[in-house]
Amino acid sequence: MEYRFLMDFERQMADEFLKSIGLELENDVDETLCCFENGEMIGTCSYSKNVIKCFGIKEEYRGGGHSLLSNYQDSK
């Protein structure tokens, strides 16, 4: 799995992903971290100041012991 913060010009990619799982990317997010597997976005998490928001994981990856935030921290 690959974890990376999106650049401003990639913001639409996260918004489209979230819409596909019934969520929406809020306008006030400071940064968005995404998780990719084989080039496909499978999860995203954003923050605004000190608030985590716009958190979504593709359905087939839910409940399987995956943790977007802890896996990102472990990979550092």
PDB file of N, CA and C in Angstrom:
ATOM      1  N   MET A   1       0.834  -1.188   0.000  1.00  0.00           N
ATOM      2  CA  MET A   1       0.000   0.000   0.000  1.00  0.00           C
ATOM      3  C   MET A   1       0.875   1.246   0.000  1.00  0.00           C
ATOM      4  N   GLU A   2       0.391   2.248  -0.653  1.00  0.00           N
ATOM      5  CA  GLU A   2       1.091   3.530  -0.734  1.00  0.00           C
ATOM      6  C   GLU A   2       0.242   4.595  -0.050  1.00  0.00           C
ATOM      7  N   TYR A   3       0.859   5.422   0.763  1.00  0.00           N
ATOM      8  CA  TYR A   3       0.192   6.518   1.449  1.00  0.00           C
ATOM      9  C   TYR A   3       0.841   7.818   1.013  1.00  0.00           C
ATOM     10  N   ARG A   4       0.004   8.804   0.688  1.00  0.00           N
ATOM     11  CA  ARG A   4       0.570  10.113   0.356  1.00  0.00           C
ATOM     12  C   ARG A   4      -0.483  11.202   0.506  1.00  0.00           C
ATOM     13  N   PHE A   5       0.015  12.397   0.763  1.00  0.00           N
ATOM     14  CA  PHE A   5      -0.857  13.557   0.822  1.00  0.00           C
ATOM     15  C   PHE A   5      -1.098  14.040  -0.600  1.00  0.00           C
ATOM     16  N   LEU A   6      -2.334  14.428  -0.879  1.00  0.00           N
ATOM     17  CA  LEU A   6      -2.676  14.903  -2.213  1.00  0.00           C
ATOM     18  C   LEU A   6      -2.250  16.350  -2.398  1.00  0.00           C
ATOM     19  N   MET A   7      -1.883  16.668  -3.619  1.00  0.00           N
ATOM     20  CA  MET A   7      -1.596  18.041  -4.003  1.00  0.00           C
ATOM     21  C   MET A   7      -2.940  18.730  -4.270  1.00  0.00           C
ATOM     22  N   ASP A   8      -2.959  20.047  -4.253  1.00  0.00           N
ATOM     23  CA  ASP A   8      -4.208  20.789  -4.459  1.00  0.00           C
ATOM     24  C   ASP A   8      -4.900  20.397  -5.760  1.00  0.00           C
ATOM     25  N   PHE A   9      -4.125  20.189  -6.825  1.00  0.00           N
ATOM     26  CA  PHE A   9      -4.731  19.873  -8.115  1.00  0.00           C
ATOM     27  C   PHE A   9      -5.344  18.469  -8.143  1.00  0.00           C
ATOM     28  N   GLU A  10      -5.053  17.631  -7.142  1.00  0.00           N
ATOM     29  CA  GLU A  10      -5.609  16.281  -7.071  1.00  0.00           C
ATOM     30  C   GLU A  10      -6.859  16.204  -6.187  1.00  0.00           C
ATOM     31  N   ARG A  11      -7.257  17.307  -5.633  1.00  0.00           N
ATOM     32  CA  ARG A  11      -8.379  17.354  -4.703  1.00  0.00           C
ATOM     33  C   ARG A  11      -9.644  16.720  -5.286  1.00  0.00           C
ATOM     34  N   GLN A  12      -9.889  16.929  -6.567  1.00  0.00           N
ATOM     35  CA  GLN A  12     -11.081  16.382  -7.209  1.00  0.00           C
ATOM     36  C   GLN A  12     -11.085  14.852  -7.138  1.00  0.00           C
ATOM     37  N   MET A  13      -9.925  14.232  -7.190  1.00  0.00           N
ATOM     38  CA  MET A  13      -9.819  12.773  -7.112  1.00  0.00           C
ATOM     39  C   MET A  13     -10.369  12.281  -5.766  1.00  0.00           C
ATOM     40  N   ALA A  14     -10.014  12.957  -4.677  1.00  0.00           N
ATOM     41  CA  ALA A  14     -10.516  12.575  -3.353  1.00  0.00           C
ATOM     42  C   ALA A  14     -12.014  12.838  -3.259  1.00  0.00           C
ATOM     43  N   ASP A  15     -12.474  13.942  -3.813  1.00  0.00           N
ATOM     44  CA  ASP A  15     -13.901  14.265  -3.789  1.00  0.00           C
ATOM     45  C   ASP A  15     -14.707  13.206  -4.535  1.00  0.00           C
ATOM     46  N   GLU A  16     -14.227  12.787  -5.700  1.00  0.00           N
ATOM     47  CA  GLU A  16     -14.921  11.750  -6.475  1.00  0.00           C
ATOM     48  C   GLU A  16     -14.932  10.417  -5.725  1.00  0.00           C
ATOM     49  N   PHE A  17     -13.816  10.082  -5.077  1.00  0.00           N
ATOM     50  CA  PHE A  17     -13.762   8.854  -4.291  1.00  0.00           C
ATOM     51  C   PHE A  17     -14.795   8.892  -3.172  1.00  0.00           C
ATOM     52  N   LEU A  18     -14.807   9.996  -2.421  1.00  0.00           N
ATOM     53  CA  LEU A  18     -15.753  10.108  -1.305  1.00  0.00           C
ATOM     54  C   LEU A  18     -17.200  10.071  -1.786  1.00  0.00           C
ATOM     55  N   LYS A  19     -17.499  10.721  -2.897  1.00  0.00           N
ATOM     56  CA  LYS A  19     -18.865  10.686  -3.443  1.00  0.00           C
ATOM     57  C   LYS A  19     -19.261   9.264  -3.816  1.00  0.00           C
ATOM     58  N   SER A  20     -18.296   8.459  -4.271  1.00  0.00           N
ATOM     59  CA  SER A  20     -18.605   7.075  -4.662  1.00  0.00           C
ATOM     60  C   SER A  20     -18.990   6.208  -3.467  1.00  0.00           C
ATOM     61  N   ILE A  21     -18.640   6.665  -2.245  1.00  0.00           N
ATOM     62  CA  ILE A  21     -19.020   5.913  -1.043  1.00  0.00           C
ATOM     63  C   ILE A  21     -20.019   6.702  -0.190  1.00  0.00           C
ATOM     64  N   GLY A  22     -20.662   7.695  -0.807  1.00  0.00           N
ATOM     65  CA  GLY A  22     -21.745   8.421  -0.147  1.00  0.00           C
ATOM     66  C   GLY A  22     -21.303   9.555   0.767  1.00  0.00           C
ATOM     67  N   LEU A  23     -20.095  10.049   0.592  1.00  0.00           N
ATOM     68  CA  LEU A  23     -19.587  11.148   1.410  1.00  0.00           C
ATOM     69  C   LEU A  23     -19.170  12.308   0.515  1.00  0.00           C
ATOM     70  N   GLU A  24     -18.694  13.378   1.123  1.00  0.00           N
ATOM     71  CA  GLU A  24     -18.281  14.544   0.356  1.00  0.00           C
ATOM     72  C   GLU A  24     -17.043  15.174   0.988  1.00  0.00           C
ATOM     73  N   LEU A  25     -16.161  15.681   0.174  1.00  0.00           N
ATOM     74  CA  LEU A  25     -14.979  16.385   0.662  1.00  0.00           C
ATOM     75  C   LEU A  25     -15.385  17.809   1.021  1.00  0.00           C
ATOM     76  N   GLU A  26     -15.168  18.184   2.267  1.00  0.00           N
ATOM     77  CA  GLU A  26     -15.543  19.527   2.714  1.00  0.00           C
ATOM     78  C   GLU A  26     -14.542  20.553   2.199  1.00  0.00           C
ATOM     79  N   ASN A  27     -15.010  21.776   2.029  1.00  0.00           N
ATOM     80  CA  ASN A  27     -14.188  22.839   1.443  1.00  0.00           C
ATOM     81  C   ASN A  27     -13.074  23.331   2.345  1.00  0.00           C
ATOM     82  N   ASP A  28     -13.203  23.134   3.650  1.00  0.00           N
ATOM     83  CA  ASP A  28     -12.249  23.746   4.571  1.00  0.00           C
ATOM     84  C   ASP A  28     -11.092  22.839   4.990  1.00  0.00           C
ATOM     85  N   VAL A  29     -10.887  21.708   4.303  1.00  0.00           N
ATOM     86  CA  VAL A  29      -9.810  20.812   4.717  1.00  0.00           C
ATOM     87  C   VAL A  29      -8.444  21.425   4.381  1.00  0.00           C
ATOM     88  N   ASP A  30      -7.493  21.192   5.301  1.00  0.00           N
ATOM     89  CA  ASP A  30      -6.133  21.699   5.097  1.00  0.00           C
ATOM     90  C   ASP A  30      -5.305  20.741   4.249  1.00  0.00           C
ATOM     91  N   GLU A  31      -5.400  19.444   4.554  1.00  0.00           N
ATOM     92  CA  GLU A  31      -4.675  18.428   3.787  1.00  0.00           C
ATOM     93  C   GLU A  31      -5.482  17.150   3.755  1.00  0.00           C
ATOM     94  N   THR A  32      -5.213  16.331   2.739  1.00  0.00           N
ATOM     95  CA  THR A  32      -5.891  15.049   2.581  1.00  0.00           C
ATOM     96  C   THR A  32      -4.857  13.962   2.352  1.00  0.00           C
ATOM     97  N   LEU A  33      -4.911  12.959   3.206  1.00  0.00           N
ATOM     98  CA  LEU A  33      -4.052  11.783   3.098  1.00  0.00           C
ATOM     99  C   LEU A  33      -4.844  10.680   2.415  1.00  0.00           C
ATOM    100  N   CYS A  34      -4.243  10.040   1.422  1.00  0.00           N
ATOM    101  CA  CYS A  34      -4.920   8.955   0.721  1.00  0.00           C
ATOM    102  C   CYS A  34      -4.092   7.688   0.758  1.00  0.00           C
ATOM    103  N   CYS A  35      -4.788   6.583   0.689  1.00  0.00           N
ATOM    104  CA  CYS A  35      -4.161   5.269   0.639  1.00  0.00           C
ATOM    105  C   CYS A  35      -4.497   4.658  -0.714  1.00  0.00           C
ATOM    106  N   PHE A  36      -3.478   4.136  -1.379  1.00  0.00           N
ATOM    107  CA  PHE A  36      -3.650   3.517  -2.690  1.00  0.00           C
ATOM    108  C   PHE A  36      -3.158   2.080  -2.639  1.00  0.00           C
ATOM    109  N   GLU A  37      -3.855   1.213  -3.348  1.00  0.00           N
ATOM    110  CA  GLU A  37      -3.379  -0.152  -3.525  1.00  0.00           C
ATOM    111  C   GLU A  37      -3.439  -0.461  -5.012  1.00  0.00           C
ATOM    112  N   ASN A  38      -2.301  -0.838  -5.570  1.00  0.00           N
ATOM    113  CA  ASN A  38      -2.190  -1.100  -7.008  1.00  0.00           C
ATOM    114  C   ASN A  38      -2.695   0.081  -7.833  1.00  0.00           C
ATOM    115  N   GLY A  39      -2.380   1.300  -7.373  1.00  0.00           N
ATOM    116  CA  GLY A  39      -2.755   2.509  -8.094  1.00  0.00           C
ATOM    117  C   GLY A  39      -4.188   2.970  -7.895  1.00  0.00           C
ATOM    118  N   GLU A  40      -4.983   2.232  -7.143  1.00  0.00           N
ATOM    119  CA  GLU A  40      -6.386   2.580  -6.906  1.00  0.00           C
ATOM    120  C   GLU A  40      -6.543   3.174  -5.506  1.00  0.00           C
ATOM    121  N   MET A  41      -7.268   4.299  -5.413  1.00  0.00           N
ATOM    122  CA  MET A  41      -7.523   4.895  -4.113  1.00  0.00           C
ATOM    123  C   MET A  41      -8.485   4.002  -3.340  1.00  0.00           C
ATOM    124  N   ILE A  42      -8.086   3.632  -2.120  1.00  0.00           N
ATOM    125  CA  ILE A  42      -8.952   2.774  -1.300  1.00  0.00           C
ATOM    126  C   ILE A  42      -9.351   3.443   0.011  1.00  0.00           C
ATOM    127  N   GLY A  43      -8.735   4.582   0.329  1.00  0.00           N
ATOM    128  CA  GLY A  43      -9.095   5.279   1.552  1.00  0.00           C
ATOM    129  C   GLY A  43      -8.589   6.695   1.549  1.00  0.00           C
ATOM    130  N   THR A  44      -9.272   7.532   2.314  1.00  0.00           N
ATOM    131  CA  THR A  44      -8.875   8.927   2.418  1.00  0.00           C
ATOM    132  C   THR A  44      -9.262   9.480   3.780  1.00  0.00           C
ATOM    133  N   CYS A  45      -8.474  10.420   4.240  1.00  0.00           N
ATOM    134  CA  CYS A  45      -8.716  11.076   5.519  1.00  0.00           C
ATOM    135  C   CYS A  45      -8.155  12.488   5.416  1.00  0.00           C
ATOM    136  N   SER A  46      -8.942  13.465   5.833  1.00  0.00           N
ATOM    137  CA  SER A  46      -8.508  14.854   5.770  1.00  0.00           C
ATOM    138  C   SER A  46      -8.521  15.456   7.160  1.00  0.00           C
ATOM    139  N   TYR A  47      -7.910  16.628   7.268  1.00  0.00           N
ATOM    140  CA  TYR A  47      -8.016  17.364   8.516  1.00  0.00           C
ATOM    141  C   TYR A  47      -8.150  18.852   8.227  1.00  0.00           C
ATOM    142  N   SER A  48      -8.792  19.506   9.160  1.00  0.00           N
ATOM    143  CA  SER A  48      -8.931  20.949   9.138  1.00  0.00           C
ATOM    144  C   SER A  48      -8.533  21.437  10.522  1.00  0.00           C
ATOM    145  N   LYS A  49      -7.468  22.197  10.585  1.00  0.00           N
ATOM    146  CA  LYS A  49      -6.850  22.612  11.851  1.00  0.00           C
ATOM    147  C   LYS A  49      -6.523  21.360  12.645  1.00  0.00           C
ATOM    148  N   ASN A  50      -7.220  21.073  13.718  1.00  0.00           N
ATOM    149  CA  ASN A  50      -6.926  19.866  14.492  1.00  0.00           C
ATOM    150  C   ASN A  50      -8.094  18.877  14.498  1.00  0.00           C
ATOM    151  N   VAL A  51      -8.958  18.953  13.484  1.00  0.00           N
ATOM    152  CA  VAL A  51     -10.134  18.095  13.393  1.00  0.00           C
ATOM    153  C   VAL A  51     -10.001  17.149  12.200  1.00  0.00           C
ATOM    154  N   ILE A  52     -10.097  15.841  12.467  1.00  0.00           N
ATOM    155  CA  ILE A  52     -10.098  14.848  11.388  1.00  0.00           C
ATOM    156  C   ILE A  52     -11.489  14.807  10.780  1.00  0.00           C
ATOM    157  N   LYS A  53     -11.549  14.823   9.455  1.00  0.00           N
ATOM    158  CA  LYS A  53     -12.845  14.804   8.761  1.00  0.00           C
ATOM    159  C   LYS A  53     -12.696  14.161   7.394  1.00  0.00           C
ATOM    160  N   CYS A  54     -13.825  13.940   6.746  1.00  0.00           N
ATOM    161  CA  CYS A  54     -13.863  13.384   5.391  1.00  0.00           C
ATOM    162  C   CYS A  54     -13.100  12.063   5.324  1.00  0.00           C
ATOM    163  N   PHE A  55     -13.351  11.190   6.272  1.00  0.00           N
ATOM    164  CA  PHE A  55     -12.675   9.902   6.396  1.00  0.00           C
ATOM    165  C   PHE A  55     -13.511   8.849   5.699  1.00  0.00           C
ATOM    166  N   GLY A  56     -12.940   8.153   4.737  1.00  0.00           N
ATOM    167  CA  GLY A  56     -13.677   7.115   4.033  1.00  0.00           C
ATOM    168  C   GLY A  56     -12.765   5.999   3.571  1.00  0.00           C
ATOM    169  N   ILE A  57     -13.289   4.781   3.616  1.00  0.00           N
ATOM    170  CA  ILE A  57     -12.562   3.596   3.169  1.00  0.00           C
ATOM    171  C   ILE A  57     -13.465   2.806   2.247  1.00  0.00           C
ATOM    172  N   LYS A  58     -12.922   2.358   1.150  1.00  0.00           N
ATOM    173  CA  LYS A  58     -13.667   1.550   0.192  1.00  0.00           C
ATOM    174  C   LYS A  58     -14.258   0.332   0.906  1.00  0.00           C
ATOM    175  N   GLU A  59     -15.491   0.006   0.595  1.00  0.00           N
ATOM    176  CA  GLU A  59     -16.246  -0.997   1.351  1.00  0.00           C
ATOM    177  C   GLU A  59     -15.526  -2.327   1.523  1.00  0.00           C
ATOM    178  N   GLU A  60     -14.894  -2.821   0.480  1.00  0.00           N
ATOM    179  CA  GLU A  60     -14.251  -4.138   0.590  1.00  0.00           C
ATOM    180  C   GLU A  60     -13.025  -4.145   1.504  1.00  0.00           C
ATOM    181  N   TYR A  61     -12.568  -2.958   1.933  1.00  0.00           N
ATOM    182  CA  TYR A  61     -11.418  -2.869   2.839  1.00  0.00           C
ATOM    183  C   TYR A  61     -11.840  -2.582   4.282  1.00  0.00           C
ATOM    184  N   ARG A  62     -13.127  -2.411   4.505  1.00  0.00           N
ATOM    185  CA  ARG A  62     -13.623  -2.116   5.853  1.00  0.00           C
ATOM    186  C   ARG A  62     -13.680  -3.386   6.691  1.00  0.00           C
ATOM    187  N   GLY A  63     -13.387  -3.241   7.975  1.00  0.00           N
ATOM    188  CA  GLY A  63     -13.530  -4.348   8.909  1.00  0.00           C
ATOM    189  C   GLY A  63     -12.473  -5.426   8.800  1.00  0.00           C
ATOM    190  N   GLY A  64     -11.451  -5.199   8.024  1.00  0.00           N
ATOM    191  CA  GLY A  64     -10.424  -6.211   7.831  1.00  0.00           C
ATOM    192  C   GLY A  64      -9.153  -5.951   8.612  1.00  0.00           C
ATOM    193  N   GLY A  65      -9.240  -5.100   9.608  1.00  0.00           N
ATOM    194  CA  GLY A  65      -8.057  -4.797  10.399  1.00  0.00           C
ATOM    195  C   GLY A  65      -7.170  -3.735   9.775  1.00  0.00           C
ATOM    196  N   HIS A  66      -7.644  -3.100   8.704  1.00  0.00           N
ATOM    197  CA  HIS A  66      -6.880  -2.013   8.079  1.00  0.00           C
ATOM    198  C   HIS A  66      -7.128  -0.732   8.851  1.00  0.00           C
ATOM    199  N   SER A  67      -6.112   0.042   9.011  1.00  0.00           N
ATOM    200  CA  SER A  67      -6.246   1.337   9.660  1.00  0.00           C
ATOM    201  C   SER A  67      -5.426   2.341   8.867  1.00  0.00           C
ATOM    202  N   LEU A  68      -6.105   3.214   8.179  1.00  0.00           N
ATOM    203  CA  LEU A  68      -5.436   4.186   7.320  1.00  0.00           C
ATOM    204  C   LEU A  68      -4.428   5.013   8.105  1.00  0.00           C
ATOM    205  N   LEU A  69      -4.821   5.512   9.260  1.00  0.00           N
ATOM    206  CA  LEU A  69      -3.927   6.388  10.014  1.00  0.00           C
ATOM    207  C   LEU A  69      -2.783   5.629  10.664  1.00  0.00           C
ATOM    208  N   SER A  70      -3.058   4.507  11.318  1.00  0.00           N
ATOM    209  CA  SER A  70      -1.972   3.801  12.004  1.00  0.00           C
ATOM    210  C   SER A  70      -1.018   3.158  10.990  1.00  0.00           C
ATOM    211  N   ASN A  71      -1.533   2.677   9.873  1.00  0.00           N
ATOM    212  CA  ASN A  71      -0.651   2.109   8.857  1.00  0.00           C
ATOM    213  C   ASN A  71       0.255   3.183   8.264  1.00  0.00           C
ATOM    214  N   TYR A  72      -0.269   4.404   8.105  1.00  0.00           N
ATOM    215  CA  TYR A  72       0.558   5.490   7.597  1.00  0.00           C
ATOM    216  C   TYR A  72       1.673   5.816   8.587  1.00  0.00           C
ATOM    217  N   GLN A  73       1.321   5.895   9.865  1.00  0.00           N
ATOM    218  CA  GLN A  73       2.330   6.192  10.876  1.00  0.00           C
ATOM    219  C   GLN A  73       3.379   5.097  10.942  1.00  0.00           C
ATOM    220  N   ASP A  74       2.966   3.840  10.814  1.00  0.00           N
ATOM    221  CA  ASP A  74       3.906   2.727  10.846  1.00  0.00           C
ATOM    222  C   ASP A  74       4.871   2.741   9.660  1.00  0.00           C
ATOM    223  N   SER A  75       4.419   3.285   8.521  1.00  0.00           N
ATOM    224  CA  SER A  75       5.251   3.269   7.321  1.00  0.00           C
ATOM    225  C   SER A  75       6.302   4.368   7.332  1.00  0.00           C
ATOM    226  N   LYS A  76       6.220   5.314   8.239  1.00  0.00           N
ATOM    227  CA  LYS A  76       7.164   6.447   8.301  1.00  0.00           C
ATOM    228  C   LYS A  76       8.497   6.008   8.852  1.00  0.00           C
TER     229      LYS A  76
END
